[in-house]
Amino acid sequence: MLRNRFYARGFTLIELLVVIAIIAVLIALLLPAVQQAREAARRSQCKNNLKQLGLALHNYADTHKVLPPRQHGSLPSGNNTGATNQVPRLSALVSLLPFLDQAPLFNAIGLPTANVWDITFAPWQTQVPMLLCPSDSPTKDISVIAQNNYNFNGGDSRIQQAGGSAPTFIGNKSTRGLFAYMISVELAEILDGTSNTIMMGEIVRPQTGRERGNAQNAAGTALPASCKATLVGGQYVPSVTLITRERCLGTRWSDGRAQFTAITTILPPNSASCYDGGDNGGIYTVASRHTGGGHVLMADGAVRFVSENIDAGDLTQDAPAVNSVGRSPFGTWGALGTKASKEIIGEF
């Protein structure tokens, strides 16, 4: 009896390798597109976070007629537990909580007796998602205290703070920017125009000890150009001494001290930062994980992406004094940080 035999023909090894190679090529082509789409979504979320902070700041100003101080003691707390040789340390982010739909957290803080660095105080450990840019990597290894990616603009001067008591200020000359120690600025003081003045800027936290996001411990000696030269390829040069990671920008959302919740418009985005030591201030630079620059919140509520190649003027000059008047030496970037210096700002 004759039988018809049918044999199922399988793939040869060469055919299988070709199919695998084609799949690998397709994955290689699609993966960057997927990563770009994810980063675009993260960047959009980061921008939206700043928009929400802008709304909160304007609602705060509508209620209180002024912007909140960057560092304050309207809640007699933070570092101020009654000792006369201590200064208030609460950040403006604490003041904004009721306007960020975080009233329960604000009420839990109340009139705290815990220092802003107290890792056992539960409210300080509470992370507000809106304060984090999703493009920045988590750094919970630094501390259990919650963190942030958005800081307050102190202008183009080294931010001055008090060493043990409130300093004496002169009217609206008290800060060239919008936020300072124990100073509440009115929106009417923004003479340069709200669309030309920065309210807040994006920052990053260092993933490693010498990475961008940390700060050189410059002790007040570094001119802007010298400070900028200490960061090469996103890493600080080996010869400089840095502050510890737990004292970097964004590592304590509750702490109003400049090194935690301030930015300056001295060095362009993604440059170095230099800590002046103690309560004397420093150069604190806008930075992001987005390619080519960082987001800033303008005083009119708009969010702009500023290139790291923006005109930053003459970095061989030192920063203007905190209570000085006049144009910024730091070009378009410096002018965007001042509220009443009468600079003419074009496209940026």
C-alpha atoms as a PDB file:
ATOM      1  CA  MET A   1       0.000   0.000   0.000  1.00  0.00           C
ATOM      2  CA  LEU A   2       1.317   3.289  -1.027  1.00  0.00           C
ATOM      3  CA  ARG A   3       1.124   5.987   1.522  1.00  0.00           C
ATOM      4  CA  ASN A   4       1.484   9.714   1.012  1.00  0.00           C
ATOM      5  CA  ARG A   5       3.885  11.056   3.550  1.00  0.00           C
ATOM      6  CA  PHE A   6       3.869  14.704   4.440  1.00  0.00           C
ATOM      7  CA  TYR A   7       6.784  16.190   6.210  1.00  0.00           C
ATOM      8  CA  ALA A   8       6.521  19.567   8.097  1.00  0.00           C
ATOM      9  CA  ARG A   9       9.527  21.613   7.043  1.00  0.00           C
ATOM     10  CA  GLY A  10      11.008  23.718   9.904  1.00  0.00           C
ATOM     11  CA  PHE A  11      13.207  26.837   9.836  1.00  0.00           C
ATOM     12  CA  THR A  12      16.818  26.331   9.010  1.00  0.00           C
ATOM     13  CA  LEU A  13      19.430  27.743  11.370  1.00  0.00           C
ATOM     14  CA  ILE A  14      20.288  30.487   8.891  1.00  0.00           C
ATOM     15  CA  GLU A  15      16.638  31.534   8.547  1.00  0.00           C
ATOM     16  CA  LEU A  16      16.242  31.625  12.311  1.00  0.00           C
ATOM     17  CA  LEU A  17      19.351  33.793  12.699  1.00  0.00           C
ATOM     18  CA  VAL A  18      18.076  36.180  10.036  1.00  0.00           C
ATOM     19  CA  VAL A  19      14.732  36.556  11.821  1.00  0.00           C
ATOM     20  CA  ILE A  20      16.498  37.197  15.138  1.00  0.00           C
ATOM     21  CA  ALA A  21      18.746  39.774  13.483  1.00  0.00           C
ATOM     22  CA  ILE A  22      15.739  41.557  11.982  1.00  0.00           C
ATOM     23  CA  ILE A  23      14.000  41.663  15.374  1.00  0.00           C
ATOM     24  CA  ALA A  24      17.176  43.009  17.009  1.00  0.00           C
ATOM     25  CA  VAL A  25      17.450  45.758  14.394  1.00  0.00           C
ATOM     26  CA  LEU A  26      13.804  46.727  14.902  1.00  0.00           C
ATOM     27  CA  ILE A  27      14.285  46.869  18.684  1.00  0.00           C
ATOM     28  CA  ALA A  28      17.414  48.983  18.233  1.00  0.00           C
ATOM     29  CA  LEU A  29      15.460  51.360  16.017  1.00  0.00           C
ATOM     30  CA  LEU A  30      12.402  51.550  18.260  1.00  0.00           C
ATOM     31  CA  LEU A  31      14.079  51.725  21.687  1.00  0.00           C
ATOM     32  CA  PRO A  32      15.388  55.295  21.300  1.00  0.00           C
ATOM     33  CA  ALA A  33      11.943  56.396  20.121  1.00  0.00           C
ATOM     34  CA  VAL A  34      10.337  54.768  23.156  1.00  0.00           C
ATOM     35  CA  GLN A  35      12.898  56.380  25.469  1.00  0.00           C
ATOM     36  CA  GLN A  36      12.332  59.763  23.841  1.00  0.00           C
ATOM     37  CA  ALA A  37       8.576  59.389  24.256  1.00  0.00           C
ATOM     38  CA  ARG A  38       9.006  58.526  27.928  1.00  0.00           C
ATOM     39  CA  GLU A  39      11.331  61.471  28.493  1.00  0.00           C
ATOM     40  CA  ALA A  40       8.895  63.768  26.699  1.00  0.00           C
ATOM     41  CA  ALA A  41       6.178  62.605  29.095  1.00  0.00           C
ATOM     42  CA  ARG A  42       8.452  63.135  32.110  1.00  0.00           C
ATOM     43  CA  ARG A  43       9.452  66.559  30.831  1.00  0.00           C
ATOM     44  CA  SER A  44       5.793  67.485  30.355  1.00  0.00           C
ATOM     45  CA  GLN A  45       5.031  66.371  33.926  1.00  0.00           C
ATOM     46  CA  CYS A  46       7.962  68.395  35.231  1.00  0.00           C
ATOM     47  CA  LYS A  47       6.675  71.466  33.410  1.00  0.00           C
ATOM     48  CA  ASN A  48       3.191  70.886  34.809  1.00  0.00           C
ATOM     49  CA  ASN A  49       4.592  70.660  38.354  1.00  0.00           C
ATOM     50  CA  LEU A  50       6.094  74.121  37.971  1.00  0.00           C
ATOM     51  CA  LYS A  51       2.817  75.448  36.584  1.00  0.00           C
ATOM     52  CA  GLN A  52       1.025  74.170  39.689  1.00  0.00           C
ATOM     53  CA  LEU A  53       3.633  75.819  41.909  1.00  0.00           C
ATOM     54  CA  GLY A  54       3.090  79.050  39.974  1.00  0.00           C
ATOM     55  CA  LEU A  55      -0.647  78.883  40.636  1.00  0.00           C
ATOM     56  CA  ALA A  56       0.055  78.225  44.312  1.00  0.00           C
ATOM     57  CA  LEU A  57       2.370  81.239  44.535  1.00  0.00           C
ATOM     58  CA  HIS A  58      -0.192  83.520  42.908  1.00  0.00           C
ATOM     59  CA  ASN A  59      -2.969  82.210  45.146  1.00  0.00           C
ATOM     60  CA  TYR A  60      -0.712  82.786  48.157  1.00  0.00           C
ATOM     61  CA  ALA A  61      -0.060  86.351  46.963  1.00  0.00           C
ATOM     62  CA  ASP A  62      -3.780  86.950  46.433  1.00  0.00           C
ATOM     63  CA  THR A  63      -4.443  85.820  49.997  1.00  0.00           C
ATOM     64  CA  HIS A  64      -1.507  87.421  51.807  1.00  0.00           C
ATOM     65  CA  LYS A  65      -0.753  90.306  49.375  1.00  0.00           C
ATOM     66  CA  VAL A  66       2.909  89.215  49.281  1.00  0.00           C
ATOM     67  CA  LEU A  67       4.986  86.224  48.185  1.00  0.00           C
ATOM     68  CA  PRO A  68       6.232  83.915  50.942  1.00  0.00           C
ATOM     69  CA  PRO A  69       9.800  84.381  52.210  1.00  0.00           C
ATOM     70  CA  ARG A  70      12.208  81.686  51.079  1.00  0.00           C
ATOM     71  CA  GLN A  71      13.300  81.194  54.698  1.00  0.00           C
ATOM     72  CA  HIS A  72      11.019  82.301  57.473  1.00  0.00           C
ATOM     73  CA  GLY A  73       9.584  81.752  60.908  1.00  0.00           C
ATOM     74  CA  SER A  74       5.959  82.729  60.513  1.00  0.00           C
ATOM     75  CA  LEU A  75       5.464  79.299  62.006  1.00  0.00           C
ATOM     76  CA  PRO A  76       7.901  79.703  64.914  1.00  0.00           C
ATOM     77  CA  SER A  77       9.715  76.506  64.188  1.00  0.00           C
ATOM     78  CA  GLY A  78      12.212  74.942  61.900  1.00  0.00           C
ATOM     79  CA  ASN A  79      15.347  75.721  63.805  1.00  0.00           C
ATOM     80  CA  ASN A  80      13.649  78.312  65.995  1.00  0.00           C
ATOM     81  CA  THR A  81      12.486  76.506  69.121  1.00  0.00           C
ATOM     82  CA  GLY A  82      12.884  79.467  71.441  1.00  0.00           C
ATOM     83  CA  ALA A  83      16.645  79.911  71.563  1.00  0.00           C
ATOM     84  CA  THR A  84      17.615  83.523  70.832  1.00  0.00           C
ATOM     85  CA  ASN A  85      20.770  82.529  68.962  1.00  0.00           C
ATOM     86  CA  GLN A  86      18.878  80.560  66.335  1.00  0.00           C
ATOM     87  CA  VAL A  87      17.096  81.670  63.186  1.00  0.00           C
ATOM     88  CA  PRO A  88      13.909  80.380  61.574  1.00  0.00           C
ATOM     89  CA  ARG A  89      14.517  77.735  58.925  1.00  0.00           C
ATOM     90  CA  LEU A  90      11.128  76.884  57.382  1.00  0.00           C
ATOM     91  CA  SER A  91      11.088  76.930  53.587  1.00  0.00           C
ATOM     92  CA  ALA A  92       8.555  78.681  51.381  1.00  0.00           C
ATOM     93  CA  LEU A  93       7.381  75.231  50.270  1.00  0.00           C
ATOM     94  CA  VAL A  94       5.896  74.761  53.745  1.00  0.00           C
ATOM     95  CA  SER A  95       3.954  78.019  53.332  1.00  0.00           C
ATOM     96  CA  LEU A  96       2.597  76.858  49.976  1.00  0.00           C
ATOM     97  CA  LEU A  97       1.183  73.540  51.221  1.00  0.00           C
ATOM     98  CA  PRO A  98      -2.423  74.780  51.686  1.00  0.00           C
ATOM     99  CA  PHE A  99      -2.340  76.110  48.111  1.00  0.00           C
ATOM    100  CA  LEU A 100      -1.041  72.792  46.746  1.00  0.00           C
ATOM    101  CA  ASP A 101      -4.015  70.816  48.083  1.00  0.00           C
ATOM    102  CA  GLN A 102      -1.842  69.680  51.019  1.00  0.00           C
ATOM    103  CA  ALA A 103      -3.785  71.223  53.916  1.00  0.00           C
ATOM    104  CA  PRO A 104      -3.664  68.003  56.016  1.00  0.00           C
ATOM    105  CA  LEU A 105       0.138  67.984  55.818  1.00  0.00           C
ATOM    106  CA  PHE A 106       0.275  71.697  56.658  1.00  0.00           C
ATOM    107  CA  ASN A 107      -1.968  71.096  59.679  1.00  0.00           C
ATOM    108  CA  ALA A 108       0.182  68.153  60.759  1.00  0.00           C
ATOM    109  CA  ILE A 109       3.213  70.428  60.772  1.00  0.00           C
ATOM    110  CA  GLY A 110       1.317  73.030  62.798  1.00  0.00           C
ATOM    111  CA  LEU A 111       3.701  74.841  65.125  1.00  0.00           C
ATOM    112  CA  PRO A 112       6.496  72.268  65.074  1.00  0.00           C
ATOM    113  CA  THR A 113       9.200  71.995  67.675  1.00  0.00           C
ATOM    114  CA  ALA A 114      11.269  69.718  65.447  1.00  0.00           C
ATOM    115  CA  ASN A 115      14.272  71.094  63.580  1.00  0.00           C
ATOM    116  CA  VAL A 116      13.954  70.956  59.810  1.00  0.00           C
ATOM    117  CA  TRP A 117      16.695  68.320  59.724  1.00  0.00           C
ATOM    118  CA  ASP A 118      14.937  66.093  62.283  1.00  0.00           C
ATOM    119  CA  ILE A 119      14.637  62.701  60.564  1.00  0.00           C
ATOM    120  CA  THR A 120      12.146  61.483  63.182  1.00  0.00           C
ATOM    121  CA  PHE A 121       9.511  64.169  62.489  1.00  0.00           C
ATOM    122  CA  ALA A 122       6.933  62.436  60.274  1.00  0.00           C
ATOM    123  CA  PRO A 123       5.784  65.515  58.262  1.00  0.00           C
ATOM    124  CA  TRP A 124       9.338  66.159  57.075  1.00  0.00           C
ATOM    125  CA  GLN A 125       9.413  62.597  55.751  1.00  0.00           C
ATOM    126  CA  THR A 126       6.213  63.064  53.745  1.00  0.00           C
ATOM    127  CA  GLN A 127       6.967  63.338  50.052  1.00  0.00           C
ATOM    128  CA  VAL A 128       4.751  65.670  48.031  1.00  0.00           C
ATOM    129  CA  PRO A 129       4.863  64.179  44.493  1.00  0.00           C
ATOM    130  CA  MET A 130       4.413  67.593  42.866  1.00  0.00           C
ATOM    131  CA  LEU A 131       7.784  68.691  44.259  1.00  0.00           C
ATOM    132  CA  LEU A 132       9.714  66.043  42.304  1.00  0.00           C
ATOM    133  CA  CYS A 133      10.681  66.047  38.631  1.00  0.00           C
ATOM    134  CA  PRO A 134      10.226  62.485  37.304  1.00  0.00           C
ATOM    135  CA  SER A 135      13.365  62.845  35.156  1.00  0.00           C
ATOM    136  CA  ASP A 136      15.567  63.113  38.245  1.00  0.00           C
ATOM    137  CA  SER A 137      16.537  59.809  39.831  1.00  0.00           C
ATOM    138  CA  PRO A 138      15.434  58.999  43.393  1.00  0.00           C
ATOM    139  CA  THR A 139      18.023  59.775  46.070  1.00  0.00           C
ATOM    140  CA  LYS A 140      16.352  58.386  49.180  1.00  0.00           C
ATOM    141  CA  ASP A 141      19.726  56.950  50.184  1.00  0.00           C
ATOM    142  CA  ILE A 142      20.693  60.500  51.186  1.00  0.00           C
ATOM    143  CA  SER A 143      18.061  60.893  53.907  1.00  0.00           C
ATOM    144  CA  VAL A 144      14.552  59.869  54.926  1.00  0.00           C
ATOM    145  CA  ILE A 145      13.596  63.564  54.775  1.00  0.00           C
ATOM    146  CA  ALA A 146      11.483  64.239  51.667  1.00  0.00           C
ATOM    147  CA  GLN A 147      13.110  66.043  48.768  1.00  0.00           C
ATOM    148  CA  ASN A 148      12.356  68.505  45.974  1.00  0.00           C
ATOM    149  CA  ASN A 149      13.433  69.607  42.481  1.00  0.00           C
ATOM    150  CA  TYR A 150      12.128  73.187  42.400  1.00  0.00           C
ATOM    151  CA  ASN A 151      13.815  76.103  44.177  1.00  0.00           C
ATOM    152  CA  PHE A 152      13.145  79.812  44.683  1.00  0.00           C
ATOM    153  CA  ASN A 153      14.887  82.597  42.769  1.00  0.00           C
ATOM    154  CA  GLY A 154      17.157  84.850  44.802  1.00  0.00           C
ATOM    155  CA  GLY A 155      18.390  86.847  41.814  1.00  0.00           C
ATOM    156  CA  ASP A 156      21.916  87.446  40.550  1.00  0.00           C
ATOM    157  CA  SER A 157      23.541  88.069  43.929  1.00  0.00           C
ATOM    158  CA  ARG A 158      25.075  85.580  46.318  1.00  0.00           C
ATOM    159  CA  ILE A 159      22.108  84.948  48.578  1.00  0.00           C
ATOM    160  CA  GLN A 160      22.684  86.498  51.983  1.00  0.00           C
ATOM    161  CA  GLN A 161      21.168  85.073  55.113  1.00  0.00           C
ATOM    162  CA  ALA A 162      21.299  85.870  58.790  1.00  0.00           C
ATOM    163  CA  GLY A 163      23.872  84.397  61.096  1.00  0.00           C
ATOM    164  CA  GLY A 164      21.847  84.655  64.286  1.00  0.00           C
ATOM    165  CA  SER A 165      19.321  87.412  63.926  1.00  0.00           C
ATOM    166  CA  ALA A 166      17.355  89.046  61.133  1.00  0.00           C
ATOM    167  CA  PRO A 167      19.470  91.453  59.034  1.00  0.00           C
ATOM    168  CA  THR A 168      18.465  95.025  58.265  1.00  0.00           C
ATOM    169  CA  PHE A 169      17.017  95.520  54.789  1.00  0.00           C
ATOM    170  CA  ILE A 170      16.199  98.627  52.771  1.00  0.00           C
ATOM    171  CA  GLY A 171      12.763  98.540  51.160  1.00  0.00           C
ATOM    172  CA  ASN A 172      12.573  96.566  47.958  1.00  0.00           C
ATOM    173  CA  LYS A 173      16.372  96.660  47.632  1.00  0.00           C
ATOM    174  CA  SER A 174      16.516  93.810  50.141  1.00  0.00           C
ATOM    175  CA  THR A 175      16.806  91.194  47.412  1.00  0.00           C
ATOM    176  CA  ARG A 176      17.516  91.499  43.717  1.00  0.00           C
ATOM    177  CA  GLY A 177      15.335  88.447  43.131  1.00  0.00           C
ATOM    178  CA  LEU A 178      11.940  87.512  44.536  1.00  0.00           C
ATOM    179  CA  PHE A 179      12.810  85.314  47.516  1.00  0.00           C
ATOM    180  CA  ALA A 180      15.162  85.784  50.444  1.00  0.00           C
ATOM    181  CA  TYR A 181      15.548  85.327  54.185  1.00  0.00           C
ATOM    182  CA  MET A 182      12.549  86.737  56.099  1.00  0.00           C
ATOM    183  CA  ILE A 183      11.520  88.989  53.179  1.00  0.00           C
ATOM    184  CA  SER A 184       8.072  89.055  51.604  1.00  0.00           C
ATOM    185  CA  VAL A 185       8.094  90.646  48.141  1.00  0.00           C
ATOM    186  CA  GLU A 186       4.975  92.171  46.618  1.00  0.00           C
ATOM    187  CA  LEU A 187       4.157  91.406  42.994  1.00  0.00           C
ATOM    188  CA  ALA A 188       4.000  95.171  42.423  1.00  0.00           C
ATOM    189  CA  GLU A 189       7.757  95.294  43.099  1.00  0.00           C
ATOM    190  CA  ILE A 190       8.425  93.357  39.881  1.00  0.00           C
ATOM    191  CA  LEU A 191       9.223  96.423  37.774  1.00  0.00           C
ATOM    192  CA  ASP A 192      10.971  94.452  35.028  1.00  0.00           C
ATOM    193  CA  GLY A 193       7.715  92.715  34.100  1.00  0.00           C
ATOM    194  CA  THR A 194       6.362  89.411  35.323  1.00  0.00           C
ATOM    195  CA  SER A 195       7.095  87.728  31.986  1.00  0.00           C
ATOM    196  CA  ASN A 196      10.772  88.732  32.319  1.00  0.00           C
ATOM    197  CA  THR A 197      11.349  87.669  35.936  1.00  0.00           C
ATOM    198  CA  ILE A 198      11.976  84.157  37.220  1.00  0.00           C
ATOM    199  CA  MET A 199      10.101  82.859  40.268  1.00  0.00           C
ATOM    200  CA  MET A 200      11.448  79.325  40.552  1.00  0.00           C
ATOM    201  CA  GLY A 201      13.900  77.063  38.764  1.00  0.00           C
ATOM    202  CA  GLU A 202      14.566  73.377  38.410  1.00  0.00           C
ATOM    203  CA  ILE A 203      17.477  71.697  40.221  1.00  0.00           C
ATOM    204  CA  VAL A 204      18.894  68.167  40.471  1.00  0.00           C
ATOM    205  CA  ARG A 205      20.269  66.155  43.356  1.00  0.00           C
ATOM    206  CA  PRO A 206      23.657  64.425  42.947  1.00  0.00           C
ATOM    207  CA  GLN A 207      23.541  60.669  42.398  1.00  0.00           C
ATOM    208  CA  THR A 208      27.176  60.422  43.470  1.00  0.00           C
ATOM    209  CA  GLY A 209      29.406  62.595  45.600  1.00  0.00           C
ATOM    210  CA  ARG A 210      31.125  64.479  42.747  1.00  0.00           C
ATOM    211  CA  GLU A 211      28.259  64.701  40.291  1.00  0.00           C
ATOM    212  CA  ARG A 212      26.468  67.825  39.064  1.00  0.00           C
ATOM    213  CA  GLY A 213      23.944  68.809  41.730  1.00  0.00           C
ATOM    214  CA  ASN A 214      26.560  68.910  44.460  1.00  0.00           C
ATOM    215  CA  ALA A 215      28.349  72.165  45.352  1.00  0.00           C
ATOM    216  CA  GLN A 216      31.948  73.201  45.774  1.00  0.00           C
ATOM    217  CA  ASN A 217      32.757  74.285  49.305  1.00  0.00           C
ATOM    218  CA  ALA A 218      34.158  77.610  48.107  1.00  0.00           C
ATOM    219  CA  ALA A 219      34.010  79.549  51.393  1.00  0.00           C
ATOM    220  CA  GLY A 220      33.076  82.740  49.530  1.00  0.00           C
ATOM    221  CA  THR A 221      36.257  82.886  47.442  1.00  0.00           C
ATOM    222  CA  ALA A 222      35.112  81.627  44.043  1.00  0.00           C
ATOM    223  CA  LEU A 223      34.266  84.132  41.326  1.00  0.00           C
ATOM    224  CA  PRO A 224      31.552  82.854  38.958  1.00  0.00           C
ATOM    225  CA  ALA A 225      34.103  81.945  36.256  1.00  0.00           C
ATOM    226  CA  SER A 226      36.211  80.037  38.785  1.00  0.00           C
ATOM    227  CA  CYS A 227      33.169  78.263  40.158  1.00  0.00           C
ATOM    228  CA  LYS A 228      32.057  77.281  36.633  1.00  0.00           C
ATOM    229  CA  ALA A 229      35.488  75.807  35.845  1.00  0.00           C
ATOM    230  CA  THR A 230      35.206  73.263  38.664  1.00  0.00           C
ATOM    231  CA  LEU A 231      32.547  71.223  36.812  1.00  0.00           C
ATOM    232  CA  VAL A 232      33.740  69.376  33.695  1.00  0.00           C
ATOM    233  CA  GLY A 233      31.543  66.898  31.855  1.00  0.00           C
ATOM    234  CA  GLY A 234      29.011  66.824  34.682  1.00  0.00           C
ATOM    235  CA  GLN A 235      31.654  65.914  37.288  1.00  0.00           C
ATOM    236  CA  TYR A 236      33.590  68.162  39.665  1.00  0.00           C
ATOM    237  CA  VAL A 237      37.342  68.158  39.159  1.00  0.00           C
ATOM    238  CA  PRO A 238      39.255  66.117  41.768  1.00  0.00           C
ATOM    239  CA  SER A 239      41.066  69.127  43.227  1.00  0.00           C
ATOM    240  CA  VAL A 240      37.961  70.825  44.699  1.00  0.00           C
ATOM    241  CA  THR A 241      36.344  70.102  48.049  1.00  0.00           C
ATOM    242  CA  LEU A 242      32.596  69.523  47.981  1.00  0.00           C
ATOM    243  CA  ILE A 243      29.878  69.691  50.586  1.00  0.00           C
ATOM    244  CA  THR A 244      28.301  66.395  51.618  1.00  0.00           C
ATOM    245  CA  ARG A 245      25.356  65.052  49.608  1.00  0.00           C
ATOM    246  CA  GLU A 246      22.883  65.411  52.481  1.00  0.00           C
ATOM    247  CA  ARG A 247      23.472  69.180  52.436  1.00  0.00           C
ATOM    248  CA  CYS A 248      22.896  69.692  48.700  1.00  0.00           C
ATOM    249  CA  LEU A 249      20.141  71.464  46.793  1.00  0.00           C
ATOM    250  CA  GLY A 250      16.809  69.682  47.022  1.00  0.00           C
ATOM    251  CA  THR A 251      17.677  67.279  49.823  1.00  0.00           C
ATOM    252  CA  ARG A 252      15.409  68.933  52.441  1.00  0.00           C
ATOM    253  CA  TRP A 253      12.146  70.342  51.109  1.00  0.00           C
ATOM    254  CA  SER A 254      11.322  71.798  54.542  1.00  0.00           C
ATOM    255  CA  ASP A 255      14.593  73.734  54.976  1.00  0.00           C
ATOM    256  CA  GLY A 256      14.586  77.354  53.806  1.00  0.00           C
ATOM    257  CA  ARG A 257      18.336  77.758  53.952  1.00  0.00           C
ATOM    258  CA  ALA A 258      19.762  78.851  50.583  1.00  0.00           C
ATOM    259  CA  GLN A 259      21.771  75.684  49.960  1.00  0.00           C
ATOM    260  CA  PHE A 260      18.563  73.617  50.064  1.00  0.00           C
ATOM    261  CA  THR A 261      15.795  75.688  48.438  1.00  0.00           C
ATOM    262  CA  ALA A 262      17.359  78.590  46.500  1.00  0.00           C
ATOM    263  CA  ILE A 263      18.643  79.254  43.000  1.00  0.00           C
ATOM    264  CA  THR A 264      20.662  82.153  41.614  1.00  0.00           C
ATOM    265  CA  THR A 265      20.892  83.487  38.066  1.00  0.00           C
ATOM    266  CA  ILE A 266      24.655  83.833  38.030  1.00  0.00           C
ATOM    267  CA  LEU A 267      25.954  80.749  36.206  1.00  0.00           C
ATOM    268  CA  PRO A 268      23.894  79.396  33.276  1.00  0.00           C
ATOM    269  CA  PRO A 269      21.842  76.191  33.653  1.00  0.00           C
ATOM    270  CA  ASN A 270      23.679  72.907  34.235  1.00  0.00           C
ATOM    271  CA  SER A 271      26.793  74.665  35.553  1.00  0.00           C
ATOM    272  CA  ALA A 272      28.529  74.217  38.897  1.00  0.00           C
ATOM    273  CA  SER A 273      27.261  75.441  42.260  1.00  0.00           C
ATOM    274  CA  CYS A 274      29.485  76.936  44.958  1.00  0.00           C
ATOM    275  CA  TYR A 275      28.550  77.047  48.633  1.00  0.00           C
ATOM    276  CA  ASP A 276      29.910  80.073  50.506  1.00  0.00           C
ATOM    277  CA  GLY A 277      29.866  78.462  53.922  1.00  0.00           C
ATOM    278  CA  GLY A 278      27.676  78.976  56.970  1.00  0.00           C
ATOM    279  CA  ASP A 279      24.685  81.238  56.379  1.00  0.00           C
ATOM    280  CA  ASN A 280      26.455  83.497  53.897  1.00  0.00           C
ATOM    281  CA  GLY A 281      24.908  82.137  50.731  1.00  0.00           C
ATOM    282  CA  GLY A 282      26.522  81.088  47.476  1.00  0.00           C
ATOM    283  CA  ILE A 283      26.019  80.381  43.783  1.00  0.00           C
ATOM    284  CA  TYR A 284      23.171  77.887  43.331  1.00  0.00           C
ATOM    285  CA  THR A 285      22.553  76.947  39.718  1.00  0.00           C
ATOM    286  CA  VAL A 286      19.488  75.775  37.789  1.00  0.00           C
ATOM    287  CA  ALA A 287      20.001  72.226  36.515  1.00  0.00           C
ATOM    288  CA  SER A 288      17.968  69.355  35.092  1.00  0.00           C
ATOM    289  CA  ARG A 289      18.185  65.852  33.644  1.00  0.00           C
ATOM    290  CA  HIS A 290      16.555  67.165  30.461  1.00  0.00           C
ATOM    291  CA  THR A 291      18.940  67.624  27.577  1.00  0.00           C
ATOM    292  CA  GLY A 292      20.329  71.104  27.005  1.00  0.00           C
ATOM    293  CA  GLY A 293      18.985  73.247  29.829  1.00  0.00           C
ATOM    294  CA  GLY A 294      16.331  73.459  32.540  1.00  0.00           C
ATOM    295  CA  HIS A 295      12.829  74.695  33.284  1.00  0.00           C
ATOM    296  CA  VAL A 296      12.071  77.972  35.028  1.00  0.00           C
ATOM    297  CA  LEU A 297       8.784  79.370  36.288  1.00  0.00           C
ATOM    298  CA  MET A 298       8.228  82.999  35.336  1.00  0.00           C
ATOM    299  CA  ALA A 299       6.359  85.433  37.578  1.00  0.00           C
ATOM    300  CA  ASP A 300       3.451  85.555  35.111  1.00  0.00           C
ATOM    301  CA  GLY A 301       2.908  81.817  35.626  1.00  0.00           C
ATOM    302  CA  ALA A 302       4.480  80.679  32.344  1.00  0.00           C
ATOM    303  CA  VAL A 303       7.059  77.877  32.353  1.00  0.00           C
ATOM    304  CA  ARG A 304      10.025  78.314  30.006  1.00  0.00           C
ATOM    305  CA  PHE A 305      12.846  75.956  29.080  1.00  0.00           C
ATOM    306  CA  VAL A 306      16.120  77.881  29.243  1.00  0.00           C
ATOM    307  CA  SER A 307      19.121  76.717  27.246  1.00  0.00           C
ATOM    308  CA  GLU A 308      22.373  76.051  29.062  1.00  0.00           C
ATOM    309  CA  ASN A 309      23.956  78.236  26.355  1.00  0.00           C
ATOM    310  CA  ILE A 310      21.966  81.340  27.283  1.00  0.00           C
ATOM    311  CA  ASP A 311      23.934  84.598  27.401  1.00  0.00           C
ATOM    312  CA  ALA A 312      25.438  84.830  30.902  1.00  0.00           C
ATOM    313  CA  GLY A 313      27.468  87.996  30.464  1.00  0.00           C
ATOM    314  CA  ASP A 314      30.789  88.543  32.209  1.00  0.00           C
ATOM    315  CA  LEU A 315      31.479  85.718  34.651  1.00  0.00           C
ATOM    316  CA  THR A 316      34.802  87.250  35.696  1.00  0.00           C
ATOM    317  CA  GLN A 317      32.836  89.797  37.738  1.00  0.00           C
ATOM    318  CA  ASP A 318      31.589  88.924  41.178  1.00  0.00           C
ATOM    319  CA  ALA A 319      27.874  88.954  41.891  1.00  0.00           C
ATOM    320  CA  PRO A 320      26.216  92.262  42.853  1.00  0.00           C
ATOM    321  CA  ALA A 321      25.515  92.879  46.526  1.00  0.00           C
ATOM    322  CA  VAL A 322      22.136  91.684  47.703  1.00  0.00           C
ATOM    323  CA  ASN A 323      20.886  95.226  48.404  1.00  0.00           C
ATOM    324  CA  SER A 324      22.406  96.869  45.308  1.00  0.00           C
ATOM    325  CA  VAL A 325      20.608  98.358  42.316  1.00  0.00           C
ATOM    326  CA  GLY A 326      21.538  98.423  38.652  1.00  0.00           C
ATOM    327  CA  ARG A 327      21.789  96.042  35.746  1.00  0.00           C
ATOM    328  CA  SER A 328      23.078  92.528  36.081  1.00  0.00           C
ATOM    329  CA  PRO A 329      26.611  91.758  34.847  1.00  0.00           C
ATOM    330  CA  PHE A 330      25.434  88.274  33.874  1.00  0.00           C
ATOM    331  CA  GLY A 331      23.699  89.059  30.601  1.00  0.00           C
ATOM    332  CA  THR A 332      20.238  87.824  29.738  1.00  0.00           C
ATOM    333  CA  TRP A 333      20.390  85.100  32.374  1.00  0.00           C
ATOM    334  CA  GLY A 334      21.231  87.517  35.172  1.00  0.00           C
ATOM    335  CA  ALA A 335      18.559  89.953  33.989  1.00  0.00           C
ATOM    336  CA  LEU A 336      15.904  87.236  34.178  1.00  0.00           C
ATOM    337  CA  GLY A 337      16.695  86.836  37.874  1.00  0.00           C
ATOM    338  CA  THR A 338      16.317  90.478  38.881  1.00  0.00           C
ATOM    339  CA  LYS A 339      12.944  92.035  39.584  1.00  0.00           C
ATOM    340  CA  ALA A 340      13.662  95.766  39.246  1.00  0.00           C
ATOM    341  CA  SER A 341      16.956  96.383  37.439  1.00  0.00           C
ATOM    342  CA  LYS A 342      15.364  97.820  34.276  1.00  0.00           C
ATOM    343  CA  GLU A 343      17.115  95.541  31.795  1.00  0.00           C
ATOM    344  CA  ILE A 344      15.652  95.080  28.317  1.00  0.00           C
ATOM    345  CA  ILE A 345      15.276  91.357  27.646  1.00  0.00           C
ATOM    346  CA  GLY A 346      14.770  89.905  24.184  1.00  0.00           C
ATOM    347  CA  GLU A 347      14.093  86.313  23.192  1.00  0.00           C
ATOM    348  CA  PHE A 348      15.821  83.650  25.211  1.00  0.00           C
END
